[in-house]
Protein backbone atom coordinates (compact mmCIF):
# COMPACT_ATOMS: atom_id res chain seq x y z
CA UNK A 1 10.77 6.55 28.89
CA UNK A 2 8.08 4.49 27.13
CA UNK A 3 4.42 4.61 28.09
CA UNK A 4 1.50 2.34 27.29
CA UNK A 5 -1.96 3.44 26.30
CA UNK A 6 -4.98 2.96 24.05
CA UNK A 7 -5.37 4.52 20.60
CA UNK A 8 -8.63 6.47 20.43
CA UNK A 9 -10.47 8.78 18.04
CA UNK A 10 -8.42 7.45 15.11
CA UNK A 11 -9.21 9.24 11.82
CA UNK A 12 -7.76 6.98 9.15
CA UNK A 13 -8.56 9.33 6.27
CA UNK A 14 -6.45 12.03 7.91
CA UNK A 15 -3.87 9.76 9.53
CA UNK A 16 -4.06 10.92 13.14
CA UNK A 17 -5.71 10.24 16.46
CA UNK A 18 -5.00 10.29 20.20
CA UNK A 19 -3.52 7.94 22.77
CA UNK A 20 -4.97 7.75 26.28
CA UNK A 21 -2.29 6.65 28.71
CA UNK A 22 -3.04 3.63 30.91
CA UNK A 23 -3.98 4.54 34.46
CA UNK A 24 -5.75 7.71 33.47
CA UNK A 25 -2.79 9.71 32.28
CA UNK A 26 -2.88 12.52 29.77
CA UNK A 27 -4.19 12.11 26.22
CA UNK A 28 -1.60 12.86 23.54
CA UNK A 29 -1.84 13.46 19.81
CA UNK A 30 -0.34 10.86 17.43
CA UNK A 31 0.26 10.97 13.68
CA UNK A 32 0.58 7.98 11.34
CA UNK A 33 4.18 8.90 10.53
CA UNK A 34 5.13 8.31 14.17
CA UNK A 35 4.19 4.62 14.08
CA UNK A 36 7.03 2.14 13.57
CA UNK A 37 7.07 0.92 9.96
CA UNK A 38 5.36 -2.44 9.62
CA UNK A 39 2.59 -4.49 8.00
CA UNK A 40 -0.12 -3.24 10.37
CA UNK A 41 -1.86 0.11 10.01
CA UNK A 42 -3.74 1.52 13.01
CA UNK A 43 -7.52 1.23 12.97
CA UNK A 44 -8.35 2.49 16.47
CA UNK A 45 -8.68 1.00 19.97
CA UNK A 46 -5.31 -0.82 19.79
CA UNK A 47 -3.01 -0.94 22.80
CA UNK A 48 0.29 0.72 21.96
CA UNK A 49 3.55 1.77 23.58
CA UNK A 50 5.09 5.13 22.83
CA UNK A 51 7.47 7.86 23.85
CA UNK A 52 6.59 11.48 24.51
CA UNK A 53 8.04 14.10 22.20
CA UNK A 54 7.01 17.43 20.77
CA UNK A 55 5.86 18.69 17.40
CA UNK A 56 7.50 21.68 15.61
CA UNK A 57 5.33 24.03 17.68
CA UNK A 58 6.46 22.53 20.97
CA UNK A 59 3.23 20.67 21.71
CA UNK A 60 3.35 17.18 23.27
CA UNK A 61 3.00 14.34 20.77
CA UNK A 62 3.45 10.56 20.80
CA UNK A 63 6.61 9.35 19.06
CA UNK A 64 8.07 5.97 18.07
CA UNK A 65 4.71 4.24 18.52
CA UNK A 66 4.51 0.41 18.41
CA UNK A 67 1.62 -2.03 18.77
CA UNK A 68 1.63 -4.19 21.88
CA UNK A 69 2.12 -7.85 20.95
CA UNK A 70 4.49 -7.17 18.04
CA UNK A 71 8.21 -7.51 18.57
CA UNK A 72 10.40 -4.67 17.26
CA UNK A 73 11.46 -6.97 14.41
CA UNK A 74 7.81 -7.63 13.48
CA UNK A 75 6.92 -3.96 13.77
CA UNK A 76 9.58 -3.06 11.23
CA UNK A 77 8.79 -5.89 8.79
CA UNK A 78 7.76 -4.16 5.51
CA UNK A 79 5.87 -7.06 3.96
CA UNK A 80 8.80 -8.51 2.02
CA UNK A 81 6.82 -11.45 0.63
CA UNK A 82 4.34 -9.20 -1.17
CA UNK A 83 7.10 -6.95 -2.48
CA UNK A 84 9.03 -9.99 -3.71
CA UNK A 85 5.91 -11.26 -5.50
CA UNK A 86 5.45 -7.96 -7.33
CA UNK A 87 9.13 -7.71 -8.29
CA UNK A 88 9.27 -11.36 -9.44
CA UNK A 89 6.20 -10.84 -11.62
CA UNK A 90 7.74 -7.84 -13.37
CA UNK A 91 10.93 -9.83 -13.99
CA UNK A 92 8.86 -12.72 -15.37
CA UNK A 93 7.05 -10.43 -17.81
CA UNK A 94 10.34 -8.90 -18.96
CA UNK A 95 11.91 -12.34 -19.51
CA UNK A 96 8.82 -13.58 -21.37
CA UNK A 97 9.06 -10.59 -23.70
CA UNK A 98 12.79 -11.21 -24.23
CA UNK A 99 11.98 -14.80 -25.23
CA UNK A 100 9.28 -13.58 -27.65
CA UNK A 101 6.53 -15.09 -25.51
CA UNK A 102 4.98 -11.64 -25.18
CA UNK A 103 5.13 -8.46 -27.25
CA UNK A 104 7.72 -5.96 -26.00
CA UNK A 105 4.89 -3.52 -25.32
CA UNK A 106 3.51 -5.72 -22.52
CA UNK A 107 6.30 -5.20 -19.94
CA UNK A 108 6.23 -1.52 -20.88
CA UNK A 109 2.52 -1.42 -20.09
CA UNK A 110 3.04 -3.05 -16.70
CA UNK A 111 5.88 -0.69 -15.84
CA UNK A 112 3.99 2.45 -16.80
CA UNK A 113 0.76 1.29 -15.13
CA UNK A 114 2.67 0.37 -11.96
CA UNK A 115 4.35 3.77 -11.80
CA UNK A 116 1.02 5.53 -12.32
CA UNK A 117 -0.60 3.35 -9.63
CA UNK A 118 2.21 4.03 -7.16
CA UNK A 119 2.00 7.79 -7.60
CA UNK A 120 -1.82 7.64 -7.47
CA UNK A 121 -1.56 5.99 -4.04
CA UNK A 122 1.05 8.54 -2.96
CA UNK A 123 -1.16 11.42 -4.09
CA UNK A 124 -4.17 9.93 -2.30
CA UNK A 125 -2.22 9.56 0.94
CA UNK A 126 -1.00 13.14 0.69
CA UNK A 127 -4.55 14.34 0.02
CA UNK A 128 -5.80 12.40 3.05
CA UNK A 129 -3.26 14.15 5.28
CA UNK A 130 -4.16 17.58 3.89
CA UNK A 131 -7.92 16.99 3.88
CA UNK A 132 -8.08 17.53 0.13
CA UNK A 133 -9.91 15.74 -2.69
CA UNK A 134 -9.21 12.00 -2.59
CA UNK A 135 -8.56 9.62 -5.50
CA UNK A 136 -11.61 7.31 -5.82
CA UNK A 137 -10.87 3.71 -4.83
CA UNK A 138 -12.44 2.55 -8.11
CA UNK A 139 -9.72 4.48 -9.95
CA UNK A 140 -7.00 2.77 -7.91
CA UNK A 141 -8.55 -0.63 -8.61
CA UNK A 142 -8.84 0.11 -12.34
CA UNK A 143 -5.14 0.93 -12.45
CA UNK A 144 -4.42 -2.42 -10.77
CA UNK A 145 -6.67 -4.29 -13.19
CA UNK A 146 -4.94 -2.93 -16.31
CA UNK A 147 -1.52 -3.95 -15.02
CA UNK A 148 -0.59 -1.53 -12.27
CA UNK A 149 -1.08 -3.96 -9.40
CA UNK A 150 2.68 -4.45 -8.75
CA UNK A 151 2.95 -0.70 -8.23
CA UNK A 152 -0.15 -0.75 -6.03
CA UNK A 153 1.37 -3.45 -3.82
CA UNK A 154 4.62 -1.51 -3.54
CA UNK A 155 2.67 1.64 -2.62
CA UNK A 156 0.53 -0.06 0.01
CA UNK A 157 3.52 -1.61 1.73
CA UNK A 158 6.01 1.24 1.39
CA UNK A 159 3.55 4.09 2.01
CA UNK A 160 1.40 2.10 4.46
CA UNK A 161 -1.70 3.36 2.69
CA UNK A 162 -4.92 1.30 2.45
CA UNK A 163 -2.99 -1.85 3.37
CA UNK A 164 -5.24 -2.68 6.32
CA UNK A 165 -8.64 -1.84 4.81
CA UNK A 166 -10.30 -5.20 4.20
CA UNK A 167 -12.57 -4.10 1.35
CA UNK A 168 -9.66 -2.54 -0.55
CA UNK A 169 -7.49 -5.62 -0.05
CA UNK A 170 -10.24 -7.95 -1.28
CA UNK A 171 -10.85 -6.01 -4.48
CA UNK A 172 -7.13 -5.52 -5.07
CA UNK A 173 -6.43 -9.26 -5.02
CA UNK A 174 -9.43 -9.85 -7.30
CA UNK A 175 -7.86 -7.45 -9.81
CA UNK A 176 -4.51 -9.24 -9.43
CA UNK A 177 -6.15 -12.59 -10.17
CA UNK A 178 -8.10 -11.18 -13.12
CA UNK A 179 -5.03 -9.48 -14.58
CA UNK A 180 -2.85 -12.58 -14.20
CA UNK A 181 -5.61 -14.70 -15.72
CA UNK A 182 -5.77 -12.37 -18.69
CA UNK A 183 -2.01 -12.50 -19.08
CA UNK A 184 -2.12 -16.29 -18.98
CA UNK A 185 -4.64 -16.30 -21.83
CA UNK A 186 -2.50 -13.83 -23.80
CA UNK A 187 0.36 -16.31 -23.62
CA UNK A 188 -1.69 -19.04 -25.30
CA UNK A 189 -1.40 -19.29 -29.12
CA UNK A 190 -4.84 -17.73 -29.63
CA UNK A 191 -4.16 -14.96 -27.14
CA UNK A 192 -0.71 -14.20 -28.54
CA UNK A 193 -2.09 -13.93 -32.05
CA UNK A 194 -4.86 -11.62 -30.87
CA UNK A 195 -2.45 -9.39 -28.94
CA UNK A 196 -0.02 -9.12 -31.87
CA UNK A 197 -2.93 -8.03 -34.08
CA UNK A 198 -3.95 -5.38 -31.54
CA UNK A 199 -0.36 -4.09 -31.26
CA UNK A 200 -0.03 -4.01 -35.07
CA UNK A 201 -3.23 -2.00 -35.40
CA UNK A 202 -2.01 0.45 -32.77
């Protein structure tokens, strides 16, 4: 049986809150992992539908939680457009390097930075759940700026971490624009010559 209620006392840094059932029913605990995968992350005060289950200790807990107003198909949509953008960019960089439009080190830099960014997001999400030391947002943004933004996009969508925080999204897309602008300059004759000199010196 599915119930409907309002999400309250949501603690985004820890990934949990409570749902108060409509009509004055009981309040039940809910964890971020029990929300249906989708582009929206809970922020609090949303109307949701849910089922009642139990945690490993036998306590009542909301399960299979969905936002009211989103169809099951929408709730499970993982943000394919953003993921496609990140993947297409990495392919573009690799092809440009294969055609000698970019030094071979450039796609390597993007790949390594993206992996580091992804695992930095994963570590931050884990720390948030455990109440441990968090990775500063400035560090995450710096990783995006130096070329890790494809990995950051993958992490936000796949891990559903910081993908609904407006300030983080704004800065992230600024770093994407700045990084892509820098790459565009690197692909000009002057930029290519400068980058080859830097790589040679390294």
